[in-house]
Amino acid sequence: MMKREHKRIALKLQREKLIKELNKVYRNAFDELSSLDIEEGSLAKLSQKFLLSREAAISSLETEIEKPIITESPQKN
């Protein structure tokens, strides 16, 4: 059975891995946007939506990385 600290580290590493993968996905999406033949206004709106989406996805994962994991209540003496 994994100890609490090992679980915390495993979860943190998984979140960090997911953040890296999401950054790759968004980078690829932006690269594709630059190759589209659409008007500048539409491109700007879509780019803004991508940025908002990226921020929402990644910031919540980063917040979780910083939170301590509490799996048991403290024992009273």
Protein backbone atom coordinates (compact mmCIF):
# COMPACT_ATOMS: atom_id res chain seq x y z
CA MET A 1 0.00 0.00 0.00
CA MET A 2 1.32 3.43 -0.96
CA LYS A 3 2.12 5.76 1.86
CA ARG A 4 0.47 9.15 1.83
CA GLU A 5 3.64 11.00 0.75
CA HIS A 6 4.18 8.57 -2.16
CA LYS A 7 0.59 9.08 -3.27
CA ARG A 8 1.00 12.84 -3.12
CA ILE A 9 4.17 12.70 -5.19
CA ALA A 10 2.58 10.35 -7.74
CA LEU A 11 -0.42 12.67 -8.14
CA LYS A 12 1.82 15.72 -8.47
CA LEU A 13 3.94 14.04 -11.15
CA GLN A 14 0.82 12.98 -13.06
CA ARG A 15 -0.57 16.52 -12.98
CA GLU A 16 2.75 17.93 -14.16
CA LYS A 17 2.81 15.41 -17.00
CA LEU A 18 -0.73 16.38 -18.01
CA ILE A 19 0.21 20.08 -17.99
CA LYS A 20 3.12 19.36 -20.34
CA GLU A 21 0.84 17.37 -22.65
CA LEU A 22 -1.79 20.11 -22.65
CA ASN A 23 0.85 22.69 -23.50
CA LYS A 24 1.85 20.56 -26.51
CA VAL A 25 -1.78 20.29 -27.64
CA TYR A 26 -2.31 24.05 -27.39
CA ARG A 27 1.00 24.79 -29.12
CA ASN A 28 -0.02 22.55 -32.02
CA ALA A 29 -3.45 24.17 -32.17
CA PHE A 30 -1.91 27.64 -32.38
CA ASP A 31 0.46 26.46 -35.10
CA GLU A 32 -2.54 25.22 -37.07
CA LEU A 33 -4.34 28.53 -36.57
CA SER A 34 -1.51 30.40 -38.20
CA SER A 35 -1.88 28.30 -41.33
CA LEU A 36 -5.62 28.88 -41.71
CA ASP A 37 -6.83 31.23 -44.42
CA ILE A 38 -9.42 33.13 -42.39
CA GLU A 39 -10.01 36.78 -41.70
CA GLU A 40 -7.97 38.42 -38.98
CA GLY A 41 -10.96 39.17 -36.69
CA SER A 42 -12.08 35.54 -36.67
CA LEU A 43 -8.52 34.41 -36.07
CA ALA A 44 -8.20 36.79 -33.12
CA LYS A 45 -11.47 35.58 -31.57
CA LEU A 46 -10.50 31.94 -31.93
CA SER A 47 -7.03 32.62 -30.54
CA GLN A 48 -8.57 34.33 -27.52
CA LYS A 49 -10.86 31.34 -26.90
CA PHE A 50 -7.86 28.99 -27.12
CA LEU A 51 -5.97 31.09 -24.59
CA LEU A 52 -8.90 31.18 -22.17
CA SER A 53 -9.38 27.45 -22.52
CA ARG A 54 -5.69 26.77 -21.94
CA GLU A 55 -5.59 29.04 -18.89
CA ALA A 56 -8.65 27.38 -17.33
CA ALA A 57 -7.33 23.86 -17.89
CA ILE A 58 -3.78 24.45 -16.75
CA SER A 59 -4.36 26.84 -13.86
CA SER A 60 -6.71 24.41 -12.13
CA LEU A 61 -4.11 21.65 -12.43
CA GLU A 62 -1.36 23.94 -11.12
CA THR A 63 -3.55 24.88 -8.17
CA GLU A 64 -4.06 21.20 -7.37
CA ILE A 65 -0.31 20.60 -7.44
CA GLU A 66 0.14 23.18 -4.72
CA LYS A 67 -2.62 21.85 -2.45
CA PRO A 68 -1.61 19.49 0.33
CA ILE A 69 -3.35 16.14 0.32
CA ILE A 70 -5.09 15.32 3.58
CA THR A 71 -6.26 11.73 3.72
CA GLU A 72 -6.56 11.24 7.47
CA SER A 73 -7.68 13.44 10.31
CA PRO A 74 -5.06 14.22 12.93
CA GLN A 75 -5.09 11.85 15.86
CA LYS A 76 -6.06 13.32 19.21
CA ASN A 77 -3.90 12.48 22.22
